[in-house]
Amino acid sequence: MRMILNETSYFGAGCRKELKTEMANRGFRKAFVVSDKDLVKFNVAKLVTDELDAMGAEYVLFDDVKANPTIHNVQTGYKLFKEFNPDVIIAIGGGSVIDTAKAIGIIAANPDFYDVKSLEGVADTKNKSFPVIAFATTSGTAAEVTINYVITDEEAGRKLVCVDPHDIPVIAFNDAEMMKTMPKGLTAATGMDALTHAIEGYITKGAHALSDVLCWNSIKFIADNLEKAVKNGNDDAAREGMAYGSYVAGMAFSNVGLGIVHSMAHPLGARYDIAHGVANALLLPFVMEFNMSACKKKYGDIARAMGVDIKGKTEGEAAKAAVDAVRKLSKAIGIPQTLSEIGIKEEQLPQLAADALIDPCTGGNPKDVTVEDILAIYKKAL
């Protein structure tokens, strides 16, 4: 059993103000800031750059990062990084931004991997990433605490899932004040992404006693707070609860793996630019139904974490109640319920299934799968 976590993590509204102390203690004075245009437009990135201004730090902003970030995004950012010659990378964003920053940090310390494609899977990098400080602005991907990052190869139409213990940010900030500008749809999608992490981490083949504790509590945090956060973005307690739920799930799944919800979501993002959280959320109950026979007892635990009274229910009934609870939450926060709703057609499914089968997350699924199994799940979700 191995657990890899950040050196330091901060939580709570306003915790970003600790950046000054961390920068001073580590001798950082020149920052390469990675964000995206929306976070700059809506002054979320400014919450951090104001702190840099106050301490007199020099910085340059790279905001050319798209959802489902690409090899081009990474290489463009790396070129600017080299020109600026900073002593720290600061990522301000959700998974797309933090994943881009991670890839830049890894290449900065291991320039032989500049092509990005060679980072896929478990790359043989020799050096620890250039230091990255990550500010999460969504409660979903937990990229700030994981050893994973995902970059899209647009030419091949596929996502490169990269797993590297060298890439974890040295410091993670989860400041709920930075999450209040998230629109309802993004709050819903990223929150369901976090729930998918927690559920898949709970039932994956690699799960163990410590990861089970983390995942179960993450499920409870999310079940208790997601709908509230979607319906009232200014609910401080709900935003805080979601920040904890997302981070705790990340602590677990980063170390024990995921399953075929992610395997099936990745090609939807790579080929059709479907938002990762939406793809996960839509597929989660269908995959849970497929996996039910392999983990009925744990499904009962999931139902309890989601507030379902399973007293008097059989193991099978309790397991079904878990799937029903996930679907009910998903509907309540406006997640699309079928692939057809997001523009996917039946003739596209065989290629998606072939892509999903070879995804690195597939091996962690609690049930072994064939391409026919995956295709059948896609068809059921259509």
Protein backbone atom coordinates (compact mmCIF):
# COMPACT_ATOMS: atom_id res chain seq x y z
CA MET A 1 0.00 0.00 0.00
CA ARG A 2 1.35 3.42 -0.99
CA MET A 3 -0.03 6.89 -0.30
CA ILE A 4 1.39 9.94 -2.08
CA LEU A 5 0.01 13.33 -0.98
CA ASN A 6 0.92 17.02 -1.14
CA GLU A 7 3.66 18.33 1.13
CA THR A 8 1.21 20.98 2.42
CA SER A 9 -2.53 21.59 1.94
CA TYR A 10 -4.72 24.51 2.97
CA PHE A 11 -8.48 24.59 3.43
CA GLY A 12 -11.05 27.23 4.34
CA ALA A 13 -12.35 30.52 3.02
CA GLY A 14 -9.49 32.97 2.56
CA CYS A 15 -6.73 30.41 2.95
CA ARG A 16 -5.12 31.77 -0.24
CA LYS A 17 -3.61 34.48 1.98
CA GLU A 18 -1.15 31.84 3.24
CA LEU A 19 0.53 31.98 -0.18
CA LYS A 20 2.74 34.85 1.00
CA THR A 21 4.15 32.76 3.87
CA GLU A 22 4.70 29.70 1.68
CA MET A 23 6.42 31.72 -1.05
CA ALA A 24 8.70 33.37 1.49
CA ASN A 25 9.55 30.13 3.28
CA ARG A 26 10.45 28.42 0.01
CA GLY A 27 12.31 31.38 -1.51
CA PHE A 28 9.91 31.76 -4.45
CA ARG A 29 9.86 35.25 -6.02
CA LYS A 30 9.05 34.68 -9.67
CA ALA A 31 5.86 32.80 -10.63
CA PHE A 32 4.57 31.34 -13.88
CA VAL A 33 0.79 31.57 -13.41
CA VAL A 34 -1.42 29.13 -15.34
CA SER A 35 -5.17 29.78 -15.57
CA ASP A 36 -7.89 30.08 -18.20
CA LYS A 37 -9.60 33.03 -19.88
CA ASP A 38 -12.90 32.67 -18.01
CA LEU A 39 -11.21 32.67 -14.62
CA VAL A 40 -9.29 35.77 -15.64
CA LYS A 41 -12.45 37.43 -17.04
CA PHE A 42 -14.44 36.83 -13.86
CA ASN A 43 -11.57 37.95 -11.59
CA VAL A 44 -11.07 34.56 -9.93
CA ALA A 45 -7.41 34.41 -10.94
CA LYS A 46 -7.09 37.95 -9.59
CA LEU A 47 -7.77 36.67 -6.07
CA VAL A 48 -4.37 34.97 -6.26
CA THR A 49 -2.47 37.47 -8.39
CA ASP A 50 -3.52 40.18 -5.92
CA GLU A 51 -1.62 38.21 -3.29
CA LEU A 52 1.42 38.08 -5.58
CA ASP A 53 1.15 41.82 -6.15
CA ALA A 54 0.95 42.47 -2.40
CA MET A 55 4.17 40.57 -1.79
CA GLY A 56 5.96 42.21 -4.72
CA ALA A 57 6.45 38.95 -6.61
CA GLU A 58 7.16 38.98 -10.32
CA TYR A 59 4.84 36.86 -12.47
CA VAL A 60 3.57 36.22 -15.96
CA LEU A 61 0.09 34.87 -16.78
CA PHE A 62 -0.52 32.03 -19.24
CA ASP A 63 -4.28 31.62 -19.78
CA ASP A 64 -4.39 29.79 -23.12
CA VAL A 65 -5.85 26.60 -21.62
CA LYS A 66 -9.03 25.03 -22.95
CA ALA A 67 -11.34 22.48 -21.39
CA ASN A 68 -9.89 19.04 -22.22
CA PRO A 69 -6.41 20.63 -22.59
CA THR A 70 -4.31 19.64 -25.56
CA ILE A 71 -0.71 18.88 -26.37
CA HIS A 72 -0.61 22.29 -28.08
CA ASN A 73 -1.74 24.00 -24.85
CA VAL A 74 1.05 22.30 -22.92
CA GLN A 75 3.79 23.00 -25.45
CA THR A 76 2.72 26.64 -25.86
CA GLY A 77 2.77 27.10 -22.11
CA TYR A 78 6.13 25.41 -21.76
CA LYS A 79 7.71 27.76 -24.32
CA LEU A 80 6.48 30.80 -22.36
CA PHE A 81 7.66 29.17 -19.14
CA LYS A 82 11.17 28.79 -20.59
CA GLU A 83 11.26 32.40 -21.74
CA PHE A 84 10.17 33.71 -18.34
CA ASN A 85 12.45 31.42 -16.30
CA PRO A 86 10.38 31.37 -13.05
CA ASP A 87 11.10 29.58 -9.79
CA VAL A 88 7.54 28.28 -9.24
CA ILE A 89 4.41 27.42 -11.25
CA ILE A 90 1.08 28.56 -9.79
CA ALA A 91 -2.03 26.89 -11.22
CA ILE A 92 -5.39 28.60 -10.67
CA GLY A 93 -8.28 26.57 -11.99
CA GLY A 94 -10.02 23.24 -12.28
CA GLY A 95 -8.65 20.02 -13.67
CA SER A 96 -7.85 21.35 -17.12
CA VAL A 97 -5.66 24.16 -15.79
CA ILE A 98 -3.97 22.11 -13.08
CA ASP A 99 -3.34 19.21 -15.47
CA THR A 100 -1.72 21.61 -17.94
CA ALA A 101 0.46 23.04 -15.17
CA LYS A 102 1.46 19.54 -14.07
CA ALA A 103 2.49 18.60 -17.61
CA ILE A 104 4.54 21.80 -17.96
CA GLY A 105 6.18 21.13 -14.59
CA ILE A 106 7.09 17.57 -15.52
CA ILE A 107 8.54 18.63 -18.88
CA ALA A 108 10.47 21.45 -17.23
CA ALA A 109 12.23 18.88 -15.04
CA ASN A 110 12.33 16.17 -17.72
CA PRO A 111 12.69 17.96 -21.10
CA ASP A 112 13.06 14.69 -23.04
CA PHE A 113 9.27 14.35 -22.68
CA TYR A 114 8.46 17.59 -24.53
CA ASP A 115 6.41 15.67 -27.11
CA VAL A 116 3.86 15.01 -24.29
CA LYS A 117 2.77 11.75 -25.98
CA SER A 118 5.61 9.89 -24.27
CA LEU A 119 4.15 10.86 -20.87
CA GLU A 120 1.14 8.59 -21.39
CA GLY A 121 0.67 5.82 -18.85
CA VAL A 122 3.39 5.52 -16.22
CA ALA A 123 6.24 7.41 -17.85
CA ASP A 124 9.83 6.79 -16.84
CA THR A 125 10.52 10.34 -15.71
CA LYS A 126 13.64 10.65 -13.57
CA ASN A 127 13.13 14.00 -11.87
CA LYS A 128 10.51 15.45 -9.57
CA SER A 129 8.35 18.10 -11.22
CA PHE A 130 9.31 21.74 -11.19
CA PRO A 131 7.46 23.04 -8.09
CA VAL A 132 3.73 23.58 -8.64
CA ILE A 133 1.35 25.34 -6.26
CA ALA A 134 -2.27 24.51 -7.13
CA PHE A 135 -5.36 26.60 -6.33
CA ALA A 136 -8.51 24.58 -6.99
CA THR A 137 -11.43 26.64 -8.29
CA THR A 138 -13.81 23.69 -8.70
CA SER A 139 -14.79 20.85 -6.39
CA GLY A 140 -14.41 17.99 -8.81
CA THR A 141 -11.20 16.73 -10.34
CA ALA A 142 -9.02 16.94 -7.21
CA ALA A 143 -6.11 17.48 -9.60
CA GLU A 144 -4.43 19.50 -6.87
CA VAL A 145 -3.82 16.31 -4.83
CA THR A 146 -3.47 13.56 -7.43
CA ILE A 147 -0.54 12.02 -9.28
CA ASN A 148 -2.60 11.93 -12.49
CA TYR A 149 -3.16 14.34 -15.33
CA VAL A 150 -4.95 14.01 -18.66
CA ILE A 151 -3.96 15.73 -21.92
CA THR A 152 -5.81 15.40 -25.24
CA ASP A 153 -3.99 14.30 -28.36
CA GLU A 154 -6.18 16.11 -30.90
CA GLU A 155 -4.54 14.49 -33.93
CA ALA A 156 -5.27 10.98 -32.65
CA GLY A 157 -8.62 11.92 -31.11
CA ARG A 158 -7.78 10.39 -27.76
CA LYS A 159 -6.86 11.35 -24.22
CA LEU A 160 -3.43 10.64 -22.77
CA VAL A 161 -3.88 9.49 -19.18
CA CYS A 162 -0.61 10.17 -17.40
CA VAL A 163 0.25 8.73 -13.99
CA ASP A 164 3.43 10.00 -12.37
CA PRO A 165 4.34 10.21 -8.66
CA HIS A 166 6.73 13.02 -9.62
CA ASP A 167 3.92 15.36 -10.70
CA ILE A 168 2.00 16.06 -7.48
CA PRO A 169 1.82 19.77 -6.56
CA VAL A 170 3.91 20.66 -3.53
CA ILE A 171 1.13 22.84 -2.10
CA ALA A 172 -2.65 22.64 -2.61
CA PHE A 173 -5.14 25.38 -1.75
CA ASN A 174 -8.88 24.74 -1.45
CA ASP A 175 -10.32 28.19 -0.79
CA ALA A 176 -14.13 28.07 -0.98
CA GLU A 177 -14.23 31.81 -1.73
CA MET A 178 -12.62 31.03 -5.08
CA MET A 179 -15.41 28.59 -5.97
CA LYS A 180 -18.42 30.89 -5.57
CA THR A 181 -18.38 32.14 -9.16
CA MET A 182 -18.86 28.64 -10.57
CA PRO A 183 -22.16 28.57 -12.52
CA LYS A 184 -24.76 25.95 -11.57
CA GLY A 185 -23.93 23.65 -14.50
CA LEU A 186 -20.22 23.59 -13.71
CA THR A 187 -20.89 23.08 -10.00
CA ALA A 188 -23.13 20.13 -10.86
CA ALA A 189 -20.77 18.52 -13.36
CA THR A 190 -17.61 18.89 -11.29
CA GLY A 191 -19.44 17.74 -8.16
CA MET A 192 -20.59 14.56 -9.90
CA ASP A 193 -17.05 14.08 -11.15
CA ALA A 194 -15.95 14.09 -7.50
CA LEU A 195 -18.70 11.61 -6.62
CA THR A 196 -17.52 9.35 -9.45
CA HIS A 197 -13.98 9.49 -8.06
CA ALA A 198 -15.22 8.55 -4.60
CA ILE A 199 -17.44 5.68 -5.78
CA GLU A 200 -14.92 4.24 -8.23
CA GLY A 201 -12.13 4.62 -5.66
CA TYR A 202 -14.31 2.77 -3.14
CA ILE A 203 -14.95 -0.25 -5.37
CA THR A 204 -11.77 -0.42 -7.46
CA LYS A 205 -9.62 -3.55 -7.32
CA GLY A 206 -6.88 -1.55 -5.62
CA ALA A 207 -9.04 -0.33 -2.73
CA HIS A 208 -7.84 -0.92 0.84
CA ALA A 209 -8.89 -0.03 4.39
CA LEU A 210 -7.48 3.52 4.33
CA SER A 211 -8.86 4.40 0.90
CA ASP A 212 -12.26 3.00 1.94
CA VAL A 213 -12.41 5.42 4.87
CA LEU A 214 -11.54 8.33 2.60
CA CYS A 215 -13.96 7.38 -0.17
CA TRP A 216 -16.93 6.67 2.10
CA ASN A 217 -16.56 10.02 3.81
CA SER A 218 -16.12 11.75 0.47
CA ILE A 219 -19.40 10.24 -0.75
CA LYS A 220 -21.11 11.54 2.39
CA PHE A 221 -19.63 15.05 2.03
CA ILE A 222 -20.86 15.20 -1.56
CA ALA A 223 -24.29 13.71 -0.90
CA ASP A 224 -24.83 16.20 1.93
CA ASN A 225 -23.65 19.28 0.03
CA LEU A 226 -23.78 19.04 -3.77
CA GLU A 227 -27.43 19.86 -4.36
CA LYS A 228 -27.19 22.77 -1.91
CA ALA A 229 -24.10 24.13 -3.67
CA VAL A 230 -25.80 23.90 -7.08
CA LYS A 231 -28.98 25.62 -5.93
CA ASN A 232 -27.21 28.32 -3.90
CA GLY A 233 -23.67 29.03 -4.98
CA ASN A 234 -23.21 31.40 -2.05
CA ASP A 235 -23.90 28.69 0.54
CA ASP A 236 -20.53 28.83 2.31
CA ALA A 237 -21.03 25.58 4.22
CA ALA A 238 -22.02 23.67 1.09
CA ARG A 239 -19.05 25.03 -0.89
CA GLU A 240 -16.74 24.08 1.99
CA GLY A 241 -18.25 20.59 2.20
CA MET A 242 -17.77 20.06 -1.53
CA ALA A 243 -14.16 21.24 -1.32
CA TYR A 244 -13.50 18.62 1.35
CA GLY A 245 -15.40 15.93 -0.53
CA SER A 246 -13.46 16.50 -3.74
CA TYR A 247 -10.05 16.63 -2.06
CA VAL A 248 -10.64 13.56 0.09
CA ALA A 249 -11.73 11.54 -2.95
CA GLY A 250 -8.55 12.66 -4.70
CA MET A 251 -6.41 11.50 -1.80
CA ALA A 252 -7.86 8.04 -2.32
CA PHE A 253 -8.30 7.45 -6.03
CA SER A 254 -4.91 8.92 -6.89
CA ASN A 255 -3.39 6.04 -4.95
CA VAL A 256 -5.80 3.16 -5.66
CA GLY A 257 -7.12 3.83 -9.16
CA LEU A 258 -10.51 4.15 -10.84
CA GLY A 259 -12.68 2.10 -13.21
CA ILE A 260 -14.61 2.09 -16.46
CA VAL A 261 -16.73 5.15 -15.79
CA HIS A 262 -13.55 7.10 -16.44
CA SER A 263 -12.46 4.76 -19.23
CA MET A 264 -15.74 5.43 -21.02
CA ALA A 265 -15.78 9.15 -20.26
CA HIS A 266 -12.29 9.82 -21.60
CA PRO A 267 -13.04 9.07 -25.29
CA LEU A 268 -16.22 11.15 -25.10
CA GLY A 269 -14.04 14.10 -24.13
CA ALA A 270 -11.26 13.35 -26.59
CA ARG A 271 -13.41 12.72 -29.66
CA TYR A 272 -16.42 14.97 -29.05
CA ASP A 273 -15.14 17.49 -26.47
CA ILE A 274 -17.80 16.47 -23.95
CA ALA A 275 -17.06 17.98 -20.53
CA HIS A 276 -15.40 15.34 -18.38
CA GLY A 277 -17.69 15.86 -15.38
CA VAL A 278 -20.82 15.58 -17.53
CA ALA A 279 -19.57 12.38 -19.17
CA ASN A 280 -18.74 10.80 -15.80
CA ALA A 281 -22.02 11.87 -14.23
CA LEU A 282 -24.11 10.51 -17.09
CA LEU A 283 -22.32 7.16 -17.22
CA LEU A 284 -21.95 6.54 -13.47
CA PRO A 285 -25.33 4.90 -12.72
CA PHE A 286 -25.16 2.71 -15.82
CA VAL A 287 -21.69 1.44 -14.89
CA MET A 288 -22.79 0.95 -11.28
CA GLU A 289 -25.57 -1.32 -12.54
CA PHE A 290 -23.02 -3.34 -14.52
CA ASN A 291 -20.64 -3.66 -11.54
CA MET A 292 -23.32 -4.38 -8.93
CA SER A 293 -22.84 -8.14 -8.77
CA ALA A 294 -19.17 -7.68 -7.86
CA CYS A 295 -19.65 -5.27 -4.96
CA LYS A 296 -23.16 -5.50 -3.49
CA LYS A 297 -22.01 -5.02 0.10
CA LYS A 298 -20.06 -1.87 -0.73
CA TYR A 299 -23.04 -0.54 -2.65
CA GLY A 300 -25.04 -0.83 0.56
CA ASP A 301 -22.35 1.27 2.26
CA ILE A 302 -22.64 3.81 -0.56
CA ALA A 303 -26.41 3.98 -0.06
CA ARG A 304 -25.89 4.72 3.66
CA ALA A 305 -23.35 7.43 2.87
CA MET A 306 -25.92 9.01 0.57
CA GLY A 307 -28.51 9.13 3.33
CA VAL A 308 -30.58 6.09 2.35
CA ASP A 309 -32.11 4.06 5.19
CA ILE A 310 -31.24 0.47 4.25
CA LYS A 311 -32.51 -1.09 7.47
CA GLY A 312 -34.54 -4.19 6.62
CA LYS A 313 -33.38 -4.26 3.00
CA THR A 314 -31.69 -7.27 1.46
CA GLU A 315 -28.13 -6.86 0.19
CA GLY A 316 -29.46 -6.65 -3.35
CA GLU A 317 -32.12 -4.09 -2.44
CA ALA A 318 -29.55 -1.96 -0.63
CA ALA A 319 -27.24 -2.14 -3.64
CA LYS A 320 -30.01 -1.04 -5.98
CA ALA A 321 -30.83 1.80 -3.59
CA ALA A 322 -27.28 3.14 -4.07
CA VAL A 323 -27.72 3.31 -7.84
CA ASP A 324 -31.13 4.93 -7.43
CA ALA A 325 -29.67 7.53 -5.04
CA VAL A 326 -26.93 8.46 -7.53
CA ARG A 327 -29.45 8.78 -10.34
CA LYS A 328 -31.80 10.84 -8.17
CA LEU A 329 -29.03 13.29 -7.24
CA SER A 330 -27.91 13.54 -10.85
CA LYS A 331 -31.44 14.40 -12.03
CA ALA A 332 -31.96 16.89 -9.20
CA ILE A 333 -28.98 18.98 -10.29
CA GLY A 334 -29.74 18.92 -14.01
CA ILE A 335 -27.25 16.40 -15.38
CA PRO A 336 -28.18 14.96 -18.83
CA GLN A 337 -29.41 11.39 -18.41
CA THR A 338 -28.63 9.90 -21.84
CA LEU A 339 -25.85 10.08 -24.41
CA SER A 340 -28.41 11.11 -27.03
CA GLU A 341 -29.04 14.32 -25.07
CA ILE A 342 -25.40 15.35 -25.55
CA GLY A 343 -25.35 14.53 -29.26
CA ILE A 344 -23.85 11.03 -29.32
CA LYS A 345 -25.13 8.67 -32.03
CA GLU A 346 -25.27 4.88 -32.05
CA GLU A 347 -22.85 4.54 -34.96
CA GLN A 348 -20.18 6.28 -32.86
CA LEU A 349 -20.37 3.76 -30.01
CA PRO A 350 -18.11 0.96 -31.37
CA GLN A 351 -15.12 3.31 -31.67
CA LEU A 352 -15.81 4.73 -28.21
CA ALA A 353 -15.94 1.21 -26.78
CA ALA A 354 -12.66 0.26 -28.45
CA ASP A 355 -11.00 3.37 -27.02
CA ALA A 356 -12.41 2.76 -23.54
CA LEU A 357 -11.19 -0.83 -23.39
CA ILE A 358 -7.54 0.21 -23.69
CA ASP A 359 -7.83 3.16 -21.31
CA PRO A 360 -5.50 2.85 -18.27
CA CYS A 361 -8.45 3.09 -15.86
CA THR A 362 -10.07 -0.10 -17.19
CA GLY A 363 -7.80 -2.43 -15.23
CA GLY A 364 -9.07 -1.06 -11.92
CA ASN A 365 -12.70 -1.89 -12.56
CA PRO A 366 -14.09 -4.39 -10.00
CA LYS A 367 -15.39 -6.59 -12.84
CA ASP A 368 -13.27 -7.59 -15.80
CA VAL A 369 -14.75 -6.27 -19.03
CA THR A 370 -14.72 -6.99 -22.74
CA VAL A 371 -15.30 -4.53 -25.55
CA GLU A 372 -18.76 -6.07 -25.91
CA ASP A 373 -19.54 -5.29 -22.27
CA ILE A 374 -18.51 -1.67 -22.70
CA LEU A 375 -20.46 -1.33 -25.94
CA ALA A 376 -23.56 -2.71 -24.20
CA ILE A 377 -23.25 -0.12 -21.42
CA TYR A 378 -22.88 2.68 -23.96
CA LYS A 379 -25.99 1.43 -25.77
CA LYS A 380 -27.95 1.30 -22.52
CA ALA A 381 -26.88 4.87 -21.81
CA LEU A 382 -27.80 6.07 -25.30
